[in-house]
Amino acid sequence: MQYWLMAFLIVSCDGPYTNPNRKIFENTSEFLNRQDTAKVSFVKAKEIFQKYHNENEFKKLETLFYYFQDDYYFFGYHTDPLRDKENKVWYFLEAKISAETGALVKLNESIDWKENNDKK
C-alpha cells in the first residue's frame, strides 16, 4: 500500500509548486527565468521608471528596484538619512511597470523595507 501511495505522489506531481503571487527579487534564477517570457524586459522597465523619475524631478531620492510580482516590476525610492530629522531611511513604492505592456501605474506608498532585501 505504501508503495502505491508513493508511486501515485511521484507520478501526479508536475514539479515543485511555485506561487505566482510571491515577490521575486533581482539576480535570482527565478527572476532571470521570468525575463525570458516577459514582453517588457527589466532593462526596459528600468528605463521607463528612470524617465518617470527624471520628468518628476525626484533628484534627491535614490531610485530602487524592489521586486517582481504578478507580472509587474515594482520601483521606488529610498531617502538619505542625513537629510531626515530622525536620521532614518524611508522607503517608498512609487510605481509598478507591467511586464506585458510597459504601462506605468503610480502607487506612492510608504513601506517597511530592510536594507538587505534590495541586495537579493
PDB file of N, CA and C in Angstrom:
ATOM      1  N   MET A   1       0.819  -1.198   0.000  1.00  0.00           N
ATOM      2  CA  MET A   1       0.000   0.000   0.000  1.00  0.00           C
ATOM      3  C   MET A   1       0.867   1.267   0.000  1.00  0.00           C
ATOM      4  N   GLN A   2       1.916   1.239   0.794  1.00  0.00           N
ATOM      5  CA  GLN A   2       2.793   2.410   0.869  1.00  0.00           C
ATOM      6  C   GLN A   2       3.451   2.690  -0.479  1.00  0.00           C
ATOM      7  N   TYR A   3       3.802   1.634  -1.187  1.00  0.00           N
ATOM      8  CA  TYR A   3       4.457   1.814  -2.479  1.00  0.00           C
ATOM      9  C   TYR A   3       3.513   2.424  -3.506  1.00  0.00           C
ATOM     10  N   TRP A   4       2.234   2.038  -3.460  1.00  0.00           N
ATOM     11  CA  TRP A   4       1.251   2.616  -4.376  1.00  0.00           C
ATOM     12  C   TRP A   4       1.050   4.092  -4.098  1.00  0.00           C
ATOM     13  N   LEU A   5       0.991   4.448  -2.839  1.00  0.00           N
ATOM     14  CA  LEU A   5       0.834   5.858  -2.465  1.00  0.00           C
ATOM     15  C   LEU A   5       2.042   6.668  -2.915  1.00  0.00           C
ATOM     16  N   MET A   6       3.218   6.123  -2.687  1.00  0.00           N
ATOM     17  CA  MET A   6       4.450   6.802  -3.087  1.00  0.00           C
ATOM     18  C   MET A   6       4.509   6.949  -4.607  1.00  0.00           C
ATOM     19  N   ALA A   7       4.158   5.893  -5.333  1.00  0.00           N
ATOM     20  CA  ALA A   7       4.167   5.941  -6.797  1.00  0.00           C
ATOM     21  C   ALA A   7       3.147   6.951  -7.312  1.00  0.00           C
ATOM     22  N   PHE A   8       1.977   7.003  -6.686  1.00  0.00           N
ATOM     23  CA  PHE A   8       0.953   7.965  -7.088  1.00  0.00           C
ATOM     24  C   PHE A   8       1.440   9.399  -6.897  1.00  0.00           C
ATOM     25  N   LEU A   9       2.071   9.656  -5.766  1.00  0.00           N
ATOM     26  CA  LEU A   9       2.567  11.010  -5.497  1.00  0.00           C
ATOM     27  C   LEU A   9       3.656  11.415  -6.474  1.00  0.00           C
ATOM     28  N   ILE A  10       4.522  10.504  -6.803  1.00  0.00           N
ATOM     29  CA  ILE A  10       5.605  10.816  -7.743  1.00  0.00           C
ATOM     30  C   ILE A  10       5.051  11.089  -9.135  1.00  0.00           C
ATOM     31  N   VAL A  11       4.109  10.268  -9.592  1.00  0.00           N
ATOM     32  CA  VAL A  11       3.538  10.423 -10.927  1.00  0.00           C
ATOM     33  C   VAL A  11       2.647  11.653 -11.014  1.00  0.00           C
ATOM     34  N   SER A  12       1.926  11.985  -9.945  1.00  0.00           N
ATOM     35  CA  SER A  12       0.970  13.087 -10.001  1.00  0.00           C
ATOM     36  C   SER A  12       1.610  14.460  -9.856  1.00  0.00           C
ATOM     37  N   CYS A  13       2.838  14.527  -9.423  1.00  0.00           N
ATOM     38  CA  CYS A  13       3.492  15.828  -9.239  1.00  0.00           C
ATOM     39  C   CYS A  13       4.089  16.308 -10.550  1.00  0.00           C
ATOM     40  N   ASP A  14       3.794  17.540 -10.907  1.00  0.00           N
ATOM     41  CA  ASP A  14       4.372  18.136 -12.110  1.00  0.00           C
ATOM     42  C   ASP A  14       5.687  18.828 -11.812  1.00  0.00           C
ATOM     43  N   GLY A  15       6.028  18.960 -10.581  1.00  0.00           N
ATOM     44  CA  GLY A  15       7.237  19.658 -10.181  1.00  0.00           C
ATOM     45  C   GLY A  15       6.953  20.455  -8.931  1.00  0.00           C
ATOM     46  N   PRO A  16       7.928  21.196  -8.470  1.00  0.00           N
ATOM     47  CA  PRO A  16       7.717  21.961  -7.246  1.00  0.00           C
ATOM     48  C   PRO A  16       6.669  23.047  -7.454  1.00  0.00           C
ATOM     49  N   TYR A  17       5.847  23.257  -6.447  1.00  0.00           N
ATOM     50  CA  TYR A  17       4.817  24.293  -6.500  1.00  0.00           C
ATOM     51  C   TYR A  17       5.467  25.664  -6.377  1.00  0.00           C
ATOM     52  N   THR A  18       5.099  26.555  -7.255  1.00  0.00           N
ATOM     53  CA  THR A  18       5.577  27.933  -7.149  1.00  0.00           C
ATOM     54  C   THR A  18       4.379  28.850  -7.083  1.00  0.00           C
ATOM     55  N   ASN A  19       4.415  29.779  -6.194  1.00  0.00           N
ATOM     56  CA  ASN A  19       3.330  30.732  -6.011  1.00  0.00           C
ATOM     57  C   ASN A  19       3.545  31.893  -6.971  1.00  0.00           C
ATOM     58  N   PRO A  20       2.651  32.100  -7.934  1.00  0.00           N
ATOM     59  CA  PRO A  20       2.850  33.177  -8.910  1.00  0.00           C
ATOM     60  C   PRO A  20       2.723  34.571  -8.296  1.00  0.00           C
ATOM     61  N   ASN A  21       2.177  34.674  -7.084  1.00  0.00           N
ATOM     62  CA  ASN A  21       1.979  35.976  -6.449  1.00  0.00           C
ATOM     63  C   ASN A  21       3.119  36.375  -5.522  1.00  0.00           C
ATOM     64  N   ARG A  22       4.103  35.544  -5.360  1.00  0.00           N
ATOM     65  CA  ARG A  22       5.162  35.894  -4.425  1.00  0.00           C
ATOM     66  C   ARG A  22       6.158  36.866  -5.055  1.00  0.00           C
ATOM     67  N   LYS A  23       6.869  37.545  -4.204  1.00  0.00           N
ATOM     68  CA  LYS A  23       7.850  38.526  -4.665  1.00  0.00           C
ATOM     69  C   LYS A  23       9.096  37.805  -5.163  1.00  0.00           C
ATOM     70  N   ILE A  24       9.565  38.221  -6.332  1.00  0.00           N
ATOM     71  CA  ILE A  24      10.766  37.644  -6.920  1.00  0.00           C
ATOM     72  C   ILE A  24      11.806  38.756  -6.990  1.00  0.00           C
ATOM     73  N   PHE A  25      12.959  38.503  -6.396  1.00  0.00           N
ATOM     74  CA  PHE A  25      13.985  39.529  -6.318  1.00  0.00           C
ATOM     75  C   PHE A  25      14.983  39.406  -7.465  1.00  0.00           C
ATOM     76  N   GLU A  26      15.600  40.532  -7.782  1.00  0.00           N
ATOM     77  CA  GLU A  26      16.581  40.605  -8.863  1.00  0.00           C
ATOM     78  C   GLU A  26      17.759  39.678  -8.575  1.00  0.00           C
ATOM     79  N   ASN A  27      18.401  39.222  -9.635  1.00  0.00           N
ATOM     80  CA  ASN A  27      19.588  38.369  -9.566  1.00  0.00           C
ATOM     81  C   ASN A  27      19.322  36.999  -8.957  1.00  0.00           C
ATOM     82  N   THR A  28      18.096  36.521  -9.060  1.00  0.00           N
ATOM     83  CA  THR A  28      17.787  35.145  -8.671  1.00  0.00           C
ATOM     84  C   THR A  28      17.482  34.367  -9.945  1.00  0.00           C
ATOM     85  N   SER A  29      17.607  33.061  -9.884  1.00  0.00           N
ATOM     86  CA  SER A  29      17.342  32.257 -11.084  1.00  0.00           C
ATOM     87  C   SER A  29      15.883  32.395 -11.523  1.00  0.00           C
ATOM     88  N   GLU A  30      14.972  32.506 -10.567  1.00  0.00           N
ATOM     89  CA  GLU A  30      13.557  32.661 -10.926  1.00  0.00           C
ATOM     90  C   GLU A  30      13.314  33.992 -11.645  1.00  0.00           C
ATOM     91  N   PHE A  31      13.986  35.043 -11.201  1.00  0.00           N
ATOM     92  CA  PHE A  31      13.862  36.349 -11.851  1.00  0.00           C
ATOM     93  C   PHE A  31      14.384  36.269 -13.283  1.00  0.00           C
ATOM     94  N   LEU A  32      15.526  35.639 -13.457  1.00  0.00           N
ATOM     95  CA  LEU A  32      16.108  35.509 -14.795  1.00  0.00           C
ATOM     96  C   LEU A  32      15.221  34.661 -15.707  1.00  0.00           C
ATOM     97  N   ASN A  33      14.598  33.617 -15.164  1.00  0.00           N
ATOM     98  CA  ASN A  33      13.680  32.793 -15.960  1.00  0.00           C
ATOM     99  C   ASN A  33      12.460  33.589 -16.400  1.00  0.00           C
ATOM    100  N   ARG A  34      11.946  34.439 -15.537  1.00  0.00           N
ATOM    101  CA  ARG A  34      10.782  35.266 -15.892  1.00  0.00           C
ATOM    102  C   ARG A  34      11.138  36.264 -16.992  1.00  0.00           C
ATOM    103  N   GLN A  35      12.388  36.667 -17.064  1.00  0.00           N
ATOM    104  CA  GLN A  35      12.812  37.610 -18.096  1.00  0.00           C
ATOM    105  C   GLN A  35      12.682  37.006 -19.490  1.00  0.00           C
ATOM    106  N   ASP A  36      12.825  35.699 -19.575  1.00  0.00           N
ATOM    107  CA  ASP A  36      12.720  35.017 -20.870  1.00  0.00           C
ATOM    108  C   ASP A  36      11.315  35.102 -21.456  1.00  0.00           C
ATOM    109  N   THR A  37      10.295  35.199 -20.605  1.00  0.00           N
ATOM    110  CA  THR A  37       8.912  35.219 -21.087  1.00  0.00           C
ATOM    111  C   THR A  37       8.272  36.602 -21.036  1.00  0.00           C
ATOM    112  N   ALA A  38       8.917  37.553 -20.391  1.00  0.00           N
ATOM    113  CA  ALA A  38       8.340  38.897 -20.268  1.00  0.00           C
ATOM    114  C   ALA A  38       8.450  39.649 -21.593  1.00  0.00           C
ATOM    115  N   LYS A  39       7.387  40.327 -21.970  1.00  0.00           N
ATOM    116  CA  LYS A  39       7.412  41.144 -23.189  1.00  0.00           C
ATOM    117  C   LYS A  39       8.228  42.412 -22.971  1.00  0.00           C
ATOM    118  N   VAL A  40       8.196  42.926 -21.737  1.00  0.00           N
ATOM    119  CA  VAL A  40       8.980  44.111 -21.372  1.00  0.00           C
ATOM    120  C   VAL A  40      10.085  43.643 -20.434  1.00  0.00           C
ATOM    121  N   SER A  41      11.324  43.799 -20.866  1.00  0.00           N
ATOM    122  CA  SER A  41      12.453  43.333 -20.065  1.00  0.00           C
ATOM    123  C   SER A  41      12.663  44.226 -18.844  1.00  0.00           C
ATOM    124  N   PHE A  42      13.439  43.723 -17.913  1.00  0.00           N
ATOM    125  CA  PHE A  42      13.784  44.501 -16.725  1.00  0.00           C
ATOM    126  C   PHE A  42      14.525  45.779 -17.116  1.00  0.00           C
ATOM    127  N   VAL A  43      15.424  45.671 -18.073  1.00  0.00           N
ATOM    128  CA  VAL A  43      16.185  46.843 -18.534  1.00  0.00           C
ATOM    129  C   VAL A  43      15.237  47.905 -19.086  1.00  0.00           C
ATOM    130  N   LYS A  44      14.268  47.492 -19.887  1.00  0.00           N
ATOM    131  CA  LYS A  44      13.290  48.434 -20.452  1.00  0.00           C
ATOM    132  C   LYS A  44      12.427  49.036 -19.347  1.00  0.00           C
ATOM    133  N   ALA A  45      11.983  48.217 -18.397  1.00  0.00           N
ATOM    134  CA  ALA A  45      11.172  48.723 -17.278  1.00  0.00           C
ATOM    135  C   ALA A  45      11.961  49.742 -16.462  1.00  0.00           C
ATOM    136  N   LYS A  46      13.231  49.470 -16.274  1.00  0.00           N
ATOM    137  CA  LYS A  46      14.102  50.396 -15.537  1.00  0.00           C
ATOM    138  C   LYS A  46      14.214  51.730 -16.283  1.00  0.00           C
ATOM    139  N   GLU A  47      14.318  51.674 -17.608  1.00  0.00           N
ATOM    140  CA  GLU A  47      14.365  52.893 -18.426  1.00  0.00           C
ATOM    141  C   GLU A  47      13.064  53.683 -18.307  1.00  0.00           C
ATOM    142  N   ILE A  48      11.934  52.989 -18.312  1.00  0.00           N
ATOM    143  CA  ILE A  48      10.629  53.653 -18.177  1.00  0.00           C
ATOM    144  C   ILE A  48      10.541  54.358 -16.830  1.00  0.00           C
ATOM    145  N   PHE A  49      10.976  53.673 -15.772  1.00  0.00           N
ATOM    146  CA  PHE A  49      10.920  54.287 -14.443  1.00  0.00           C
ATOM    147  C   PHE A  49      11.897  55.456 -14.336  1.00  0.00           C
ATOM    148  N   GLN A  50      13.076  55.323 -14.924  1.00  0.00           N
ATOM    149  CA  GLN A  50      14.057  56.414 -14.882  1.00  0.00           C
ATOM    150  C   GLN A  50      13.523  57.647 -15.605  1.00  0.00           C
ATOM    151  N   LYS A  51      12.832  57.445 -16.714  1.00  0.00           N
ATOM    152  CA  LYS A  51      12.217  58.564 -17.436  1.00  0.00           C
ATOM    153  C   LYS A  51      11.168  59.242 -16.555  1.00  0.00           C
ATOM    154  N   TYR A  52      10.324  58.448 -15.900  1.00  0.00           N
ATOM    155  CA  TYR A  52       9.324  58.980 -14.963  1.00  0.00           C
ATOM    156  C   TYR A  52      10.019  59.762 -13.845  1.00  0.00           C
ATOM    157  N   HIS A  53      11.086  59.201 -13.314  1.00  0.00           N
ATOM    158  CA  HIS A  53      11.869  59.842 -12.249  1.00  0.00           C
ATOM    159  C   HIS A  53      12.412  61.196 -12.712  1.00  0.00           C
ATOM    160  N   ASN A  54      12.983  61.235 -13.898  1.00  0.00           N
ATOM    161  CA  ASN A  54      13.559  62.482 -14.422  1.00  0.00           C
ATOM    162  C   ASN A  54      12.488  63.535 -14.692  1.00  0.00           C
ATOM    163  N   GLU A  55      11.341  63.114 -15.211  1.00  0.00           N
ATOM    164  CA  GLU A  55      10.259  64.059 -15.507  1.00  0.00           C
ATOM    165  C   GLU A  55       9.647  64.652 -14.249  1.00  0.00           C
ATOM    166  N   ASN A  56       9.644  63.896 -13.165  1.00  0.00           N
ATOM    167  CA  ASN A  56       9.041  64.366 -11.924  1.00  0.00           C
ATOM    168  C   ASN A  56      10.048  64.986 -10.964  1.00  0.00           C
ATOM    169  N   GLU A  57      11.289  65.041 -11.377  1.00  0.00           N
ATOM    170  CA  GLU A  57      12.354  65.730 -10.651  1.00  0.00           C
ATOM    171  C   GLU A  57      12.488  65.308  -9.192  1.00  0.00           C
ATOM    172  N   PHE A  58      12.545  64.014  -8.967  1.00  0.00           N
ATOM    173  CA  PHE A  58      12.824  63.496  -7.628  1.00  0.00           C
ATOM    174  C   PHE A  58      14.341  63.366  -7.466  1.00  0.00           C
ATOM    175  N   LYS A  59      15.058  64.448  -7.664  1.00  0.00           N
ATOM    176  CA  LYS A  59      16.514  64.398  -7.742  1.00  0.00           C
ATOM    177  C   LYS A  59      17.194  63.992  -6.442  1.00  0.00           C
ATOM    178  N   LYS A  60      16.572  64.276  -5.313  1.00  0.00           N
ATOM    179  CA  LYS A  60      17.218  63.976  -4.040  1.00  0.00           C
ATOM    180  C   LYS A  60      16.911  62.567  -3.544  1.00  0.00           C
ATOM    181  N   LEU A  61      16.125  61.825  -4.303  1.00  0.00           N
ATOM    182  CA  LEU A  61      15.774  60.465  -3.900  1.00  0.00           C
ATOM    183  C   LEU A  61      16.506  59.455  -4.770  1.00  0.00           C
ATOM    184  N   GLU A  62      16.973  58.408  -4.154  1.00  0.00           N
ATOM    185  CA  GLU A  62      17.697  57.346  -4.846  1.00  0.00           C
ATOM    186  C   GLU A  62      16.697  56.321  -5.381  1.00  0.00           C
ATOM    187  N   THR A  63      16.758  56.029  -6.691  1.00  0.00           N
ATOM    188  CA  THR A  63      15.831  55.047  -7.264  1.00  0.00           C
ATOM    189  C   THR A  63      16.223  53.641  -6.815  1.00  0.00           C
ATOM    190  N   LEU A  64      15.218  52.783  -6.759  1.00  0.00           N
ATOM    191  CA  LEU A  64      15.435  51.440  -6.240  1.00  0.00           C
ATOM    192  C   LEU A  64      14.446  50.476  -6.882  1.00  0.00           C
ATOM    193  N   PHE A  65      14.945  49.329  -7.334  1.00  0.00           N
ATOM    194  CA  PHE A  65      14.053  48.261  -7.789  1.00  0.00           C
ATOM    195  C   PHE A  65      13.799  47.365  -6.594  1.00  0.00           C
ATOM    196  N   TYR A  66      12.524  47.135  -6.276  1.00  0.00           N
ATOM    197  CA  TYR A  66      12.195  46.309  -5.121  1.00  0.00           C
ATOM    198  C   TYR A  66      12.051  44.837  -5.483  1.00  0.00           C
ATOM    199  N   TYR A  67      11.108  44.525  -6.362  1.00  0.00           N
ATOM    200  CA  TYR A  67      10.846  43.129  -6.691  1.00  0.00           C
ATOM    201  C   TYR A  67       9.934  43.022  -7.905  1.00  0.00           C
ATOM    202  N   PHE A  68       9.763  41.792  -8.376  1.00  0.00           N
ATOM    203  CA  PHE A  68       8.859  41.462  -9.476  1.00  0.00           C
ATOM    204  C   PHE A  68       7.738  40.624  -8.872  1.00  0.00           C
ATOM    205  N   GLN A  69       6.478  40.993  -9.162  1.00  0.00           N
ATOM    206  CA  GLN A  69       5.337  40.252  -8.622  1.00  0.00           C
ATOM    207  C   GLN A  69       4.130  40.459  -9.527  1.00  0.00           C
ATOM    208  N   ASP A  70       3.369  39.398  -9.747  1.00  0.00           N
ATOM    209  CA  ASP A  70       2.139  39.469 -10.553  1.00  0.00           C
ATOM    210  C   ASP A  70       2.364  40.125 -11.913  1.00  0.00           C
ATOM    211  N   ASP A  71       3.475  39.824 -12.563  1.00  0.00           N
ATOM    212  CA  ASP A  71       3.842  40.389 -13.869  1.00  0.00           C
ATOM    213  C   ASP A  71       4.055  41.899 -13.840  1.00  0.00           C
ATOM    214  N   TYR A  72       4.499  42.422 -12.715  1.00  0.00           N
ATOM    215  CA  TYR A  72       4.852  43.838 -12.584  1.00  0.00           C
ATOM    216  C   TYR A  72       6.224  43.968 -11.939  1.00  0.00           C
ATOM    217  N   TYR A  73       6.969  44.958 -12.402  1.00  0.00           N
ATOM    218  CA  TYR A  73       8.213  45.362 -11.765  1.00  0.00           C
ATOM    219  C   TYR A  73       7.864  46.498 -10.801  1.00  0.00           C
ATOM    220  N   PHE A  74       8.280  46.387  -9.554  1.00  0.00           N
ATOM    221  CA  PHE A  74       7.976  47.412  -8.557  1.00  0.00           C
ATOM    222  C   PHE A  74       9.218  48.260  -8.293  1.00  0.00           C
ATOM    223  N   PHE A  75       9.060  49.571  -8.499  1.00  0.00           N
ATOM    224  CA  PHE A  75      10.153  50.518  -8.313  1.00  0.00           C
ATOM    225  C   PHE A  75       9.775  51.566  -7.277  1.00  0.00           C
ATOM    226  N   GLY A  76      10.789  52.177  -6.727  1.00  0.00           N
ATOM    227  CA  GLY A  76      10.536  53.243  -5.765  1.00  0.00           C
ATOM    228  C   GLY A  76      11.806  53.976  -5.410  1.00  0.00           C
ATOM    229  N   TYR A  77      11.802  54.483  -4.193  1.00  0.00           N
ATOM    230  CA  TYR A  77      12.897  55.332  -3.724  1.00  0.00           C
ATOM    231  C   TYR A  77      13.255  54.993  -2.294  1.00  0.00           C
ATOM    232  N   HIS A  78      14.438  55.421  -1.918  1.00  0.00           N
ATOM    233  CA  HIS A  78      14.767  55.485  -0.501  1.00  0.00           C
ATOM    234  C   HIS A  78      15.419  56.834  -0.261  1.00  0.00           C
ATOM    235  N   THR A  79      15.220  57.339   0.937  1.00  0.00           N
ATOM    236  CA  THR A  79      15.714  58.676   1.272  1.00  0.00           C
ATOM    237  C   THR A  79      17.106  58.595   1.880  1.00  0.00           C
ATOM    238  N   ASP A  80      17.745  59.724   1.931  1.00  0.00           N
ATOM    239  CA  ASP A  80      19.060  59.856   2.546  1.00  0.00           C
ATOM    240  C   ASP A  80      18.857  60.137   4.034  1.00  0.00           C
ATOM    241  N   PRO A  81      19.387  59.307   4.925  1.00  0.00           N
ATOM    242  CA  PRO A  81      19.175  59.541   6.354  1.00  0.00           C
ATOM    243  C   PRO A  81      19.792  60.852   6.846  1.00  0.00           C
ATOM    244  N   LEU A  82      20.780  61.361   6.141  1.00  0.00           N
ATOM    245  CA  LEU A  82      21.407  62.620   6.550  1.00  0.00           C
ATOM    246  C   LEU A  82      20.489  63.816   6.332  1.00  0.00           C
ATOM    247  N   ARG A  83      19.474  63.654   5.500  1.00  0.00           N
ATOM    248  CA  ARG A  83      18.521  64.737   5.233  1.00  0.00           C
ATOM    249  C   ARG A  83      17.240  64.600   6.055  1.00  0.00           C
ATOM    250  N   ASP A  84      17.188  63.596   6.917  1.00  0.00           N
ATOM    251  CA  ASP A  84      15.996  63.344   7.716  1.00  0.00           C
ATOM    252  C   ASP A  84      16.238  63.771   9.165  1.00  0.00           C
ATOM    253  N   LYS A  85      15.225  64.359   9.796  1.00  0.00           N
ATOM    254  CA  LYS A  85      15.354  64.823  11.181  1.00  0.00           C
ATOM    255  C   LYS A  85      15.641  63.679  12.146  1.00  0.00           C
ATOM    256  N   GLU A  86      15.127  62.490  11.831  1.00  0.00           N
ATOM    257  CA  GLU A  86      15.331  61.326  12.694  1.00  0.00           C
ATOM    258  C   GLU A  86      16.516  60.465  12.246  1.00  0.00           C
ATOM    259  N   ASN A  87      17.248  60.936  11.245  1.00  0.00           N
ATOM    260  CA  ASN A  87      18.345  60.158  10.650  1.00  0.00           C
ATOM    261  C   ASN A  87      17.881  58.767  10.226  1.00  0.00           C
ATOM    262  N   LYS A  88      16.706  58.717   9.645  1.00  0.00           N
ATOM    263  CA  LYS A  88      16.099  57.455   9.244  1.00  0.00           C
ATOM    264  C   LYS A  88      15.999  57.378   7.722  1.00  0.00           C
ATOM    265  N   VAL A  89      16.127  56.168   7.201  1.00  0.00           N
ATOM    266  CA  VAL A  89      15.918  55.926   5.774  1.00  0.00           C
ATOM    267  C   VAL A  89      14.450  55.552   5.587  1.00  0.00           C
ATOM    268  N   TRP A  90      13.784  56.237   4.668  1.00  0.00           N
ATOM    269  CA  TRP A  90      12.386  55.952   4.346  1.00  0.00           C
ATOM    270  C   TRP A  90      12.333  55.298   2.977  1.00  0.00           C
ATOM    271  N   TYR A  91      11.459  54.331   2.833  1.00  0.00           N
ATOM    272  CA  TYR A  91      11.308  53.602   1.572  1.00  0.00           C
ATOM    273  C   TYR A  91       9.908  53.830   1.023  1.00  0.00           C
ATOM    274  N   PHE A  92       9.830  54.046  -0.288  1.00  0.00           N
ATOM    275  CA  PHE A  92       8.555  54.314  -0.950  1.00  0.00           C
ATOM    276  C   PHE A  92       8.419  53.454  -2.196  1.00  0.00           C
ATOM    277  N   LEU A  93       7.263  52.834  -2.349  1.00  0.00           N
ATOM    278  CA  LEU A  93       6.906  52.193  -3.611  1.00  0.00           C
ATOM    279  C   LEU A  93       6.266  53.294  -4.445  1.00  0.00           C
ATOM    280  N   GLU A  94       6.910  53.702  -5.493  1.00  0.00           N
ATOM    281  CA  GLU A  94       6.415  54.815  -6.300  1.00  0.00           C
ATOM    282  C   GLU A  94       5.553  54.339  -7.461  1.00  0.00           C
ATOM    283  N   ALA A  95       5.970  53.257  -8.116  1.00  0.00           N
ATOM    284  CA  ALA A  95       5.239  52.822  -9.312  1.00  0.00           C
ATOM    285  C   ALA A  95       5.509  51.352  -9.598  1.00  0.00           C
ATOM    286  N   LYS A  96       4.579  50.765 -10.341  1.00  0.00           N
ATOM    287  CA  LYS A  96       4.803  49.422 -10.862  1.00  0.00           C
ATOM    288  C   LYS A  96       4.667  49.498 -12.374  1.00  0.00           C
ATOM    289  N   ILE A  97       5.470  48.684 -13.055  1.00  0.00           N
ATOM    290  CA  ILE A  97       5.500  48.694 -14.514  1.00  0.00           C
ATOM    291  C   ILE A  97       5.164  47.296 -15.011  1.00  0.00           C
ATOM    292  N   SER A  98       4.197  47.226 -15.902  1.00  0.00           N
ATOM    293  CA  SER A  98       3.724  45.947 -16.426  1.00  0.00           C
ATOM    294  C   SER A  98       4.788  45.278 -17.291  1.00  0.00           C
ATOM    295  N   ALA A  99       5.009  43.995 -17.045  1.00  0.00           N
ATOM    296  CA  ALA A  99       5.939  43.215 -17.860  1.00  0.00           C
ATOM    297  C   ALA A  99       5.309  42.835 -19.197  1.00  0.00           C
ATOM    298  N   GLU A 100       4.008  43.039 -19.322  1.00  0.00           N
ATOM    299  CA  GLU A 100       3.297  42.726 -20.562  1.00  0.00           C
ATOM    300  C   GLU A 100       3.224  43.928 -21.501  1.00  0.00           C
ATOM    301  N   THR A 101       2.915  45.109 -20.941  1.00  0.00           N
ATOM    302  CA  THR A 101       2.664  46.284 -21.780  1.00  0.00           C
ATOM    303  C   THR A 101       3.652  47.428 -21.578  1.00  0.00           C
ATOM    304  N   GLY A 102       4.344  47.450 -20.460  1.00  0.00           N
ATOM    305  CA  GLY A 102       5.230  48.569 -20.152  1.00  0.00           C
ATOM    306  C   GLY A 102       4.504  49.752 -19.545  1.00  0.00           C
ATOM    307  N   ALA A 103       3.216  49.581 -19.247  1.00  0.00           N
ATOM    308  CA  ALA A 103       2.426  50.670 -18.649  1.00  0.00           C
ATOM    309  C   ALA A 103       2.872  50.912 -17.211  1.00  0.00           C
ATOM    310  N   LEU A 104       2.987  52.193 -16.854  1.00  0.00           N
ATOM    311  CA  LEU A 104       3.378  52.584 -15.508  1.00  0.00           C
ATOM    312  C   LEU A 104       2.135  52.926 -14.698  1.00  0.00           C
ATOM    313  N   VAL A 105       2.031  52.347 -13.513  1.00  0.00           N
ATOM    314  CA  VAL A 105       0.921  52.614 -12.600  1.00  0.00           C
ATOM    315  C   VAL A 105       1.509  53.231 -11.337  1.00  0.00           C
ATOM    316  N   LYS A 106       1.073  54.448 -10.997  1.00  0.00           N
ATOM    317  CA  LYS A 106       1.584  55.121  -9.798  1.00  0.00           C
ATOM    318  C   LYS A 106       1.033  54.462  -8.543  1.00  0.00           C
ATOM    319  N   LEU A 107       1.890  54.333  -7.522  1.00  0.00           N
ATOM    320  CA  LEU A 107       1.487  53.728  -6.259  1.00  0.00           C
ATOM    321  C   LEU A 107       1.611  54.710  -5.095  1.00  0.00           C
ATOM    322  N   ASN A 108       2.794  55.306  -4.947  1.00  0.00           N
ATOM    323  CA  ASN A 108       3.071  56.283  -3.891  1.00  0.00           C
ATOM    324  C   ASN A 108       2.718  55.751  -2.505  1.00  0.00           C
ATOM    325  N   GLU A 109       3.371  54.660  -2.110  1.00  0.00           N
ATOM    326  CA  GLU A 109       3.144  54.044  -0.809  1.00  0.00           C
ATOM    327  C   GLU A 109       4.441  53.998  -0.015  1.00  0.00           C
ATOM    328  N   SER A 110       4.352  54.305   1.256  1.00  0.00           N
ATOM    329  CA  SER A 110       5.481  54.128   2.157  1.00  0.00           C
ATOM    330  C   SER A 110       5.494  52.664   2.584  1.00  0.00           C
ATOM    331  N   ILE A 111       6.674  52.048   2.617  1.00  0.00           N
ATOM    332  CA  ILE A 111       6.744  50.638   3.004  1.00  0.00           C
ATOM    333  C   ILE A 111       7.835  50.427   4.037  1.00  0.00           C
ATOM    334  N   ASP A 112       7.694  49.342   4.772  1.00  0.00           N
ATOM    335  CA  ASP A 112       8.726  48.918   5.708  1.00  0.00           C
ATOM    336  C   ASP A 112       9.640  47.981   4.936  1.00  0.00           C
ATOM    337  N   TRP A 113      10.881  48.349   4.778  1.00  0.00           N
ATOM    338  CA  TRP A 113      11.802  47.585   3.943  1.00  0.00           C
ATOM    339  C   TRP A 113      13.116  47.437   4.670  1.00  0.00           C
ATOM    340  N   LYS A 114      13.694  46.280   4.590  1.00  0.00           N
ATOM    341  CA  LYS A 114      15.002  46.037   5.198  1.00  0.00           C
ATOM    342  C   LYS A 114      16.066  46.239   4.132  1.00  0.00           C
ATOM    343  N   GLU A 115      17.128  46.896   4.491  1.00  0.00           N
ATOM    344  CA  GLU A 115      18.184  47.252   3.540  1.00  0.00           C
ATOM    345  C   GLU A 115      18.741  46.036   2.808  1.00  0.00           C
ATOM    346  N   ASN A 116      18.855  44.901   3.474  1.00  0.00           N
ATOM    347  CA  ASN A 116      19.434  43.737   2.809  1.00  0.00           C
ATOM    348  C   ASN A 116      18.512  43.125   1.769  1.00  0.00           C
ATOM    349  N   ASN A 117      17.215  43.464   1.749  1.00  0.00           N
ATOM    350  CA  ASN A 117      16.297  42.916   0.745  1.00  0.00           C
ATOM    351  C   ASN A 117      16.635  43.376  -0.660  1.00  0.00           C
ATOM    352  N   ASP A 118      17.147  44.593  -0.809  1.00  0.00           N
ATOM    353  CA  ASP A 118      17.431  45.068  -2.161  1.00  0.00           C
ATOM    354  C   ASP A 118      18.742  44.503  -2.698  1.00  0.00           C
ATOM    355  N   LYS A 119      19.440  43.727  -1.912  1.00  0.00           N
ATOM    356  CA  LYS A 119      20.688  43.124  -2.363  1.00  0.00           C
ATOM    357  C   LYS A 119      20.474  41.721  -2.919  1.00  0.00           C
ATOM    358  N   LYS A 120      19.253  41.179  -2.777  1.00  0.00           N
ATOM    359  CA  LYS A 120      18.971  39.805  -3.223  1.00  0.00           C
ATOM    360  C   LYS A 120      18.976  39.690  -4.716  1.00  0.00           C
TER     361      LYS A 120
END
